[in-house]
Amino acid sequence: MAINSTMLQTTVVLSYKDGLDAQGKEIIKKQSFSNIKINASAQDIYDVAREIEKLLGKTLDELVRQDESGITNA
């Protein structure tokens, strides 16, 4: 029995530092971008994230690529 996996969707989540709270801890905010081309390379995603970082004027804390796949029994 052959199992097939098909890439359905890619989402990129940017976490960035957005100042300090009242206790002096860093505030981390997240922003998600969906409808990313499923064949986008890691380098392309990274390069775009760095440009978004410049536009936000904030420091990126983390960059996560979330790939969603469908698995079927063929």
Protein backbone atom coordinates (compact mmCIF):
# COMPACT_ATOMS: atom_id res chain seq x y z
CA MET A 1 0.00 0.00 0.00
CA ALA A 2 1.57 3.27 -1.14
CA ILE A 3 1.15 6.41 0.90
CA ASN A 4 1.30 9.82 -0.82
CA SER A 5 2.00 13.16 0.80
CA THR A 6 0.91 16.35 -0.95
CA MET A 7 1.97 19.80 0.23
CA LEU A 8 -1.17 21.88 0.78
CA GLN A 9 -0.13 25.15 2.38
CA THR A 10 2.84 27.05 3.76
CA THR A 11 2.62 29.68 6.48
CA VAL A 12 5.44 31.81 7.86
CA VAL A 13 5.33 33.10 11.44
CA LEU A 14 7.56 36.01 12.45
CA SER A 15 8.18 36.65 16.15
CA TYR A 16 9.66 40.02 16.98
CA LYS A 17 10.63 42.04 20.02
CA ASP A 18 8.25 44.91 20.73
CA GLY A 19 9.70 46.66 23.77
CA LEU A 20 9.50 45.91 27.47
CA ASP A 21 6.56 45.37 29.79
CA ALA A 22 6.11 47.00 33.22
CA GLN A 23 8.36 44.36 34.83
CA GLY A 24 11.14 44.92 32.31
CA LYS A 25 10.54 41.68 30.38
CA GLU A 26 10.70 41.71 26.59
CA ILE A 27 7.35 41.74 24.80
CA ILE A 28 7.34 39.25 21.93
CA LYS A 29 4.67 39.63 19.23
CA LYS A 30 3.90 37.25 16.38
CA GLN A 31 2.67 37.90 12.88
CA SER A 32 1.61 35.17 10.45
CA PHE A 33 1.76 35.26 6.67
CA SER A 34 -0.20 32.64 4.76
CA ASN A 35 -0.54 31.96 1.04
CA ILE A 36 3.22 31.51 0.75
CA LYS A 37 4.20 29.58 -2.38
CA ILE A 38 4.71 25.98 -1.29
CA ASN A 39 7.89 25.74 -3.35
CA ALA A 40 9.47 28.88 -1.83
CA SER A 41 13.01 28.18 -0.71
CA ALA A 42 14.15 28.70 2.87
CA GLN A 43 16.57 31.37 1.61
CA ASP A 44 13.77 33.29 -0.12
CA ILE A 45 11.60 33.19 3.00
CA TYR A 46 14.51 34.34 5.14
CA ASP A 47 15.34 37.21 2.78
CA VAL A 48 11.74 38.44 2.75
CA ALA A 49 11.54 38.15 6.55
CA ARG A 50 14.64 40.35 6.89
CA GLU A 51 13.00 42.98 4.67
CA ILE A 52 9.81 42.82 6.77
CA GLU A 53 12.01 43.28 9.85
CA LYS A 54 13.33 46.53 8.35
CA LEU A 55 9.81 47.74 7.56
CA LEU A 56 8.59 46.94 11.08
CA GLY A 57 11.58 48.62 12.66
CA LYS A 58 11.68 45.73 15.14
CA THR A 59 14.20 42.97 15.82
CA LEU A 60 13.18 39.49 14.69
CA ASP A 61 13.29 36.95 17.49
CA GLU A 62 12.25 33.85 15.56
CA LEU A 63 11.22 32.81 12.05
CA VAL A 64 9.11 29.65 11.64
CA ARG A 65 7.94 27.97 8.45
CA GLN A 66 4.84 25.81 8.93
CA ASP A 67 4.14 23.36 6.11
CA GLU A 68 0.82 21.54 5.95
CA SER A 69 0.56 18.32 3.97
CA GLY A 70 -2.26 15.99 3.10
CA ILE A 71 -1.55 12.27 3.39
CA THR A 72 -3.53 9.80 1.32
CA ASN A 73 -3.53 6.09 0.73
CA ALA A 74 -3.04 5.49 -2.99
